[in-house]
PDB file of all heavy atoms in Angstrom:
ATOM      1  N   ARG A   1      79.226  97.567  96.108  1.00  0.00           N
ATOM      2  CA  ARG A   1      78.963  96.239  96.665  1.00  0.00           C
ATOM      3  C   ARG A   1      78.678  96.346  98.151  1.00  0.00           C
ATOM      4  O   ARG A   1      77.810  95.667  98.691  1.00  0.00           O
ATOM      5  CB  ARG A   1      80.153  95.301  96.431  1.00  0.00           C
ATOM      6  CG  ARG A   1      80.314  94.865  95.006  1.00  0.00           C
ATOM      7  CD  ARG A   1      81.098  93.571  94.907  1.00  0.00           C
ATOM      8  NE  ARG A   1      82.393  93.613  95.558  1.00  0.00           N
ATOM      9  CZ  ARG A   1      83.496  94.044  94.984  1.00  0.00           C
ATOM     10  NH1 ARG A   1      83.462  94.506  93.753  1.00  0.00           N
ATOM     11  NH2 ARG A   1      84.644  94.031  95.631  1.00  0.00           N
ATOM     12  N   ALA A   2      79.434  97.182  98.834  1.00  0.00           N
ATOM     13  CA  ALA A   2      79.274  97.292 100.281  1.00  0.00           C
ATOM     14  C   ALA A   2      77.940  97.898 100.672  1.00  0.00           C
ATOM     15  O   ALA A   2      77.286  97.446 101.594  1.00  0.00           O
ATOM     16  CB  ALA A   2      80.403  98.140 100.865  1.00  0.00           C
ATOM     17  N   VAL A   3      77.517  98.938  99.939  1.00  0.00           N
ATOM     18  CA  VAL A   3      76.323  99.675 100.332  1.00  0.00           C
ATOM     19  C   VAL A   3      75.053  99.079  99.758  1.00  0.00           C
ATOM     20  O   VAL A   3      74.070  98.881 100.467  1.00  0.00           O
ATOM     21  CB  VAL A   3      76.446 101.154  99.901  1.00  0.00           C
ATOM     22  CG1 VAL A   3      75.158 101.902 100.173  1.00  0.00           C
ATOM     23  CG2 VAL A   3      77.609 101.801 100.632  1.00  0.00           C
ATOM     24  N   SER A   4      75.049  98.755  98.465  1.00  0.00           N
ATOM     25  CA  SER A   4      73.804  98.323  97.832  1.00  0.00           C
ATOM     26  C   SER A   4      73.688  96.824  97.660  1.00  0.00           C
ATOM     27  O   SER A   4      72.613  96.320  97.388  1.00  0.00           O
ATOM     28  CB  SER A   4      73.656  98.990  96.464  1.00  0.00           C
ATOM     29  OG  SER A   4      74.668  98.541  95.588  1.00  0.00           O
ATOM     30  N   GLY A   5      74.764  96.090  97.859  1.00  0.00           N
ATOM     31  CA  GLY A   5      74.729  94.662  97.602  1.00  0.00           C
ATOM     32  C   GLY A   5      74.472  93.816  98.807  1.00  0.00           C
ATOM     33  O   GLY A   5      74.518  92.599  98.739  1.00  0.00           O
ATOM     34  N   GLN A   6      74.192  94.427  99.957  1.00  0.00           N
ATOM     35  CA  GLN A   6      74.015  93.670 101.183  1.00  0.00           C
ATOM     36  C   GLN A   6      72.665  93.976 101.811  1.00  0.00           C
ATOM     37  O   GLN A   6      72.559  94.728 102.758  1.00  0.00           O
ATOM     38  CB  GLN A   6      75.143  94.010 102.175  1.00  0.00           C
ATOM     39  CG  GLN A   6      76.535  93.895 101.595  1.00  0.00           C
ATOM     40  CD  GLN A   6      76.896  92.467 101.255  1.00  0.00           C
ATOM     41  OE1 GLN A   6      76.306  91.532 101.779  1.00  0.00           O
ATOM     42  NE2 GLN A   6      77.859  92.294 100.384  1.00  0.00           N
ATOM     43  N   LYS A   7      71.614  93.372 101.291  1.00  0.00           N
ATOM     44  CA  LYS A   7      70.264  93.652 101.785  1.00  0.00           C
ATOM     45  C   LYS A   7      69.852  92.688 102.887  1.00  0.00           C
ATOM     46  O   LYS A   7      68.815  92.852 103.492  1.00  0.00           O
ATOM     47  CB  LYS A   7      69.261  93.561 100.627  1.00  0.00           C
ATOM     48  CG  LYS A   7      69.528  94.573  99.515  1.00  0.00           C
ATOM     49  CD  LYS A   7      69.460  95.994 100.024  1.00  0.00           C
ATOM     50  CE  LYS A   7      69.648  96.992  98.894  1.00  0.00           C
ATOM     51  NZ  LYS A   7      69.652  98.375  99.357  1.00  0.00           N
ATOM     52  N   GLY A   8      70.664  91.665 103.136  1.00  0.00           N
ATOM     53  CA  GLY A   8      70.271  90.657 104.109  1.00  0.00           C
ATOM     54  C   GLY A   8      70.943  90.850 105.447  1.00  0.00           C
ATOM     55  O   GLY A   8      71.042  91.949 105.979  1.00  0.00           O
ATOM     56  N   ASP A   9      71.459  89.776 105.989  1.00  0.00           N
ATOM     57  CA  ASP A   9      72.042  89.744 107.325  1.00  0.00           C
ATOM     58  C   ASP A   9      73.278  90.639 107.418  1.00  0.00           C
ATOM     59  O   ASP A   9      74.263  90.412 106.713  1.00  0.00           O
ATOM     60  CB  ASP A   9      72.440  88.293 107.626  1.00  0.00           C
ATOM     61  CG  ASP A   9      72.955  88.129 109.034  1.00  0.00           C
ATOM     62  OD1 ASP A   9      73.209  89.131 109.713  1.00  0.00           O
ATOM     63  OD2 ASP A   9      73.102  86.981 109.441  1.00  0.00           O
ATOM     64  N   PRO A  10      73.269  91.663 108.262  1.00  0.00           N
ATOM     65  CA  PRO A  10      74.421  92.568 108.351  1.00  0.00           C
ATOM     66  C   PRO A  10      75.665  91.889 108.873  1.00  0.00           C
ATOM     67  O   PRO A  10      76.766  92.358 108.637  1.00  0.00           O
ATOM     68  CB  PRO A  10      73.942  93.648 109.336  1.00  0.00           C
ATOM     69  CG  PRO A  10      72.883  92.984 110.134  1.00  0.00           C
ATOM     70  CD  PRO A  10      72.194  92.050 109.187  1.00  0.00           C
ATOM     71  N   THR A  11      75.551  90.774 109.581  1.00  0.00           N
ATOM     72  CA  THR A  11      76.735  90.133 110.126  1.00  0.00           C
ATOM     73  C   THR A  11      77.461  89.279 109.109  1.00  0.00           C
ATOM     74  O   THR A  11      78.487  88.686 109.430  1.00  0.00           O
ATOM     75  CB  THR A  11      76.356  89.255 111.328  1.00  0.00           C
ATOM     76  OG1 THR A  11      75.513  88.200 110.888  1.00  0.00           O
ATOM     77  CG2 THR A  11      75.658  90.060 112.395  1.00  0.00           C
ATOM     78  N   LEU A  12      76.975  89.211 107.881  1.00  0.00           N
ATOM     79  CA  LEU A  12      77.670  88.471 106.840  1.00  0.00           C
ATOM     80  C   LEU A  12      78.353  89.417 105.862  1.00  0.00           C
ATOM     81  O   LEU A  12      78.786  89.018 104.802  1.00  0.00           O
ATOM     82  CB  LEU A  12      76.696  87.558 106.078  1.00  0.00           C
ATOM     83  CG  LEU A  12      76.098  86.415 106.896  1.00  0.00           C
ATOM     84  CD1 LEU A  12      75.146  85.608 106.032  1.00  0.00           C
ATOM     85  CD2 LEU A  12      77.183  85.529 107.457  1.00  0.00           C
ATOM     86  N   ILE A  13      78.445  90.686 106.218  1.00  0.00           N
ATOM     87  CA  ILE A  13      79.026  91.679 105.322  1.00  0.00           C
ATOM     88  C   ILE A  13      80.554  91.670 105.421  1.00  0.00           C
ATOM     89  O   ILE A  13      81.115  91.769 106.486  1.00  0.00           O
ATOM     90  CB  ILE A  13      78.498  93.082 105.676  1.00  0.00           C
ATOM     91  CG1 ILE A  13      77.005  93.140 105.383  1.00  0.00           C
ATOM     92  CG2 ILE A  13      79.227  94.162 104.911  1.00  0.00           C
ATOM     93  CD1 ILE A  13      76.319  94.349 105.941  1.00  0.00           C
ATOM     94  N   HIS A  14      81.223  91.562 104.275  1.00  0.00           N
ATOM     95  CA  HIS A  14      82.680  91.584 104.264  1.00  0.00           C
ATOM     96  C   HIS A  14      83.233  92.531 103.202  1.00  0.00           C
ATOM     97  O   HIS A  14      84.386  92.928 103.297  1.00  0.00           O
ATOM     98  CB  HIS A  14      83.225  90.176 103.982  1.00  0.00           C
ATOM     99  CG  HIS A  14      82.945  89.190 105.061  1.00  0.00           C
ATOM    100  ND1 HIS A  14      83.642  89.146 106.238  1.00  0.00           N
ATOM    101  CD2 HIS A  14      82.018  88.215 105.143  1.00  0.00           C
ATOM    102  CE1 HIS A  14      83.169  88.170 107.010  1.00  0.00           C
ATOM    103  NE2 HIS A  14      82.190  87.600 106.360  1.00  0.00           N
ATOM    104  N   SER A  15      82.457  92.884 102.181  1.00  0.00           N
ATOM    105  CA  SER A  15      82.982  93.648 101.058  1.00  0.00           C
ATOM    106  C   SER A  15      83.107  95.120 101.394  1.00  0.00           C
ATOM    107  O   SER A  15      82.110  95.788 101.660  1.00  0.00           O
ATOM    108  CB  SER A  15      82.068  93.481  99.844  1.00  0.00           C
ATOM    109  OG  SER A  15      82.040  92.149  99.429  1.00  0.00           O
ATOM    110  N   ALA A  16      84.329  95.598 101.374  1.00  0.00           N
ATOM    111  CA  ALA A  16      84.634  97.016 101.557  1.00  0.00           C
ATOM    112  C   ALA A  16      83.978  97.657 102.768  1.00  0.00           C
ATOM    113  O   ALA A  16      83.481  98.766 102.689  1.00  0.00           O
ATOM    114  CB  ALA A  16      84.254  97.793 100.310  1.00  0.00           C
ATOM    115  N   PRO A  17      83.967  97.026 103.914  1.00  0.00           N
ATOM    116  CA  PRO A  17      83.306  97.631 105.075  1.00  0.00           C
ATOM    117  C   PRO A  17      83.982  98.904 105.550  1.00  0.00           C
ATOM    118  O   PRO A  17      83.327  99.821 106.040  1.00  0.00           O
ATOM    119  CB  PRO A  17      83.381  96.527 106.141  1.00  0.00           C
ATOM    120  CG  PRO A  17      84.559  95.707 105.754  1.00  0.00           C
ATOM    121  CD  PRO A  17      84.552  95.712 104.262  1.00  0.00           C
ATOM    122  N   ARG A  18      85.298  98.985 105.403  1.00  0.00           N
ATOM    123  CA  ARG A  18      85.992 100.170 105.891  1.00  0.00           C
ATOM    124  C   ARG A  18      85.581 101.410 105.120  1.00  0.00           C
ATOM    125  O   ARG A  18      85.452 102.500 105.684  1.00  0.00           O
ATOM    126  CB  ARG A  18      87.516  99.956 105.783  1.00  0.00           C
ATOM    127  CG  ARG A  18      88.314 100.947 106.599  1.00  0.00           C
ATOM    128  CD  ARG A  18      88.040 100.748 108.075  1.00  0.00           C
ATOM    129  NE  ARG A  18      88.405 101.892 108.867  1.00  0.00           N
ATOM    130  CZ  ARG A  18      88.154 102.028 110.157  1.00  0.00           C
ATOM    131  NH1 ARG A  18      87.537 101.068 110.799  1.00  0.00           N
ATOM    132  NH2 ARG A  18      88.505 103.096 110.819  1.00  0.00           N
ATOM    133  N   MET A  19      85.375 101.249 103.828  1.00  0.00           N
ATOM    134  CA  MET A  19      84.965 102.390 103.027  1.00  0.00           C
ATOM    135  C   MET A  19      83.556 102.845 103.393  1.00  0.00           C
ATOM    136  O   MET A  19      83.242 104.021 103.343  1.00  0.00           O
ATOM    137  CB  MET A  19      85.044 102.049 101.538  1.00  0.00           C
ATOM    138  CG  MET A  19      86.462 102.092 100.987  1.00  0.00           C
ATOM    139  SD  MET A  19      87.565 100.871 101.711  1.00  0.00           S
ATOM    140  CE  MET A  19      87.003  99.401 100.869  1.00  0.00           C
ATOM    141  N   ALA A  20      82.702 101.888 103.739  1.00  0.00           N
ATOM    142  CA  ALA A  20      81.357 102.255 104.179  1.00  0.00           C
ATOM    143  C   ALA A  20      81.422 103.058 105.470  1.00  0.00           C
ATOM    144  O   ALA A  20      80.691 104.032 105.652  1.00  0.00           O
ATOM    145  CB  ALA A  20      80.513 100.998 104.385  1.00  0.00           C
ATOM    146  N   PHE A  21      82.322 102.648 106.378  1.00  0.00           N
ATOM    147  CA  PHE A  21      82.487 103.374 107.639  1.00  0.00           C
ATOM    148  C   PHE A  21      82.947 104.802 107.374  1.00  0.00           C
ATOM    149  O   PHE A  21      82.433 105.749 107.967  1.00  0.00           O
ATOM    150  CB  PHE A  21      83.507 102.652 108.521  1.00  0.00           C
ATOM    151  CG  PHE A  21      83.769 103.334 109.829  1.00  0.00           C
ATOM    152  CD1 PHE A  21      82.919 103.150 110.914  1.00  0.00           C
ATOM    153  CD2 PHE A  21      84.866 104.168 109.982  1.00  0.00           C
ATOM    154  CE1 PHE A  21      83.161 103.799 112.128  1.00  0.00           C
ATOM    155  CE2 PHE A  21      85.122 104.810 111.181  1.00  0.00           C
ATOM    156  CZ  PHE A  21      84.255 104.629 112.258  1.00  0.00           C
ATOM    157  N   GLU A  22      83.892 104.966 106.471  1.00  0.00           N
ATOM    158  CA  GLU A  22      84.436 106.291 106.180  1.00  0.00           C
ATOM    159  C   GLU A  22      83.409 107.196 105.500  1.00  0.00           C
ATOM    160  O   GLU A  22      83.563 108.417 105.492  1.00  0.00           O
ATOM    161  CB  GLU A  22      85.683 106.158 105.314  1.00  0.00           C
ATOM    162  CG  GLU A  22      86.852 105.520 106.066  1.00  0.00           C
ATOM    163  CD  GLU A  22      88.011 105.162 105.174  1.00  0.00           C
ATOM    164  OE1 GLU A  22      87.897 105.352 103.941  1.00  0.00           O
ATOM    165  OE2 GLU A  22      89.035 104.681 105.695  1.00  0.00           O
ATOM    166  N   ALA A  23      82.358 106.607 104.935  1.00  0.00           N
ATOM    167  CA  ALA A  23      81.330 107.406 104.277  1.00  0.00           C
ATOM    168  C   ALA A  23      80.339 108.006 105.262  1.00  0.00           C
ATOM    169  O   ALA A  23      79.544 108.866 104.893  1.00  0.00           O
ATOM    170  CB  ALA A  23      80.578 106.546 103.253  1.00  0.00           C
ATOM    171  N   LEU A  24      80.412 107.579 106.528  1.00  0.00           N
ATOM    172  CA  LEU A  24      79.458 108.052 107.532  1.00  0.00           C
ATOM    173  C   LEU A  24      79.860 109.402 108.115  1.00  0.00           C
ATOM    174  O   LEU A  24      81.035 109.788 108.066  1.00  0.00           O
ATOM    175  CB  LEU A  24      79.353 107.026 108.664  1.00  0.00           C
ATOM    176  CG  LEU A  24      78.843 105.636 108.291  1.00  0.00           C
ATOM    177  CD1 LEU A  24      78.948 104.713 109.497  1.00  0.00           C
ATOM    178  CD2 LEU A  24      77.425 105.708 107.771  1.00  0.00           C
ATOM    179  N   GLN A  25      78.895 110.083 108.698  1.00  0.00           N
ATOM    180  CA  GLN A  25      79.176 111.330 109.401  1.00  0.00           C
ATOM    181  C   GLN A  25      79.990 111.022 110.666  1.00  0.00           C
ATOM    182  O   GLN A  25      79.841 109.950 111.262  1.00  0.00           O
ATOM    183  CB  GLN A  25      77.871 112.027 109.795  1.00  0.00           C
ATOM    184  CG  GLN A  25      77.052 112.505 108.603  1.00  0.00           C
ATOM    185  CD  GLN A  25      77.787 113.562 107.797  1.00  0.00           C
ATOM    186  OE1 GLN A  25      78.421 114.455 108.363  1.00  0.00           O
ATOM    187  NE2 GLN A  25      77.728 113.456 106.482  1.00  0.00           N
ATOM    188  N   PRO A  26      80.858 111.941 111.098  1.00  0.00           N
ATOM    189  CA  PRO A  26      81.714 111.693 112.263  1.00  0.00           C
ATOM    190  C   PRO A  26      80.957 111.285 113.518  1.00  0.00           C
ATOM    191  O   PRO A  26      81.409 110.406 114.264  1.00  0.00           O
ATOM    192  CB  PRO A  26      82.434 113.034 112.460  1.00  0.00           C
ATOM    193  CG  PRO A  26      82.473 113.629 111.095  1.00  0.00           C
ATOM    194  CD  PRO A  26      81.182 113.221 110.451  1.00  0.00           C
ATOM    195  N   GLU A  27      79.796 111.898 113.758  1.00  0.00           N
ATOM    196  CA  GLU A  27      79.059 111.558 114.970  1.00  0.00           C
ATOM    197  C   GLU A  27      78.521 110.127 114.925  1.00  0.00           C
ATOM    198  O   GLU A  27      78.431 109.452 115.953  1.00  0.00           O
ATOM    199  CB  GLU A  27      77.906 112.543 115.203  1.00  0.00           C
ATOM    200  CG  GLU A  27      76.879 112.626 114.096  1.00  0.00           C
ATOM    201  CD  GLU A  27      77.222 113.661 113.033  1.00  0.00           C
ATOM    202  OE1 GLU A  27      78.405 114.039 112.932  1.00  0.00           O
ATOM    203  OE2 GLU A  27      76.303 114.096 112.329  1.00  0.00           O
TER     204      GLU A  27
END
């Protein structure tokens, strides 16, 4: 839901944002 379900406005994203952050590279 966090990655593929939010194609619109990024400032309206609430679903599982922390997990999306943890999926990123450290840099």
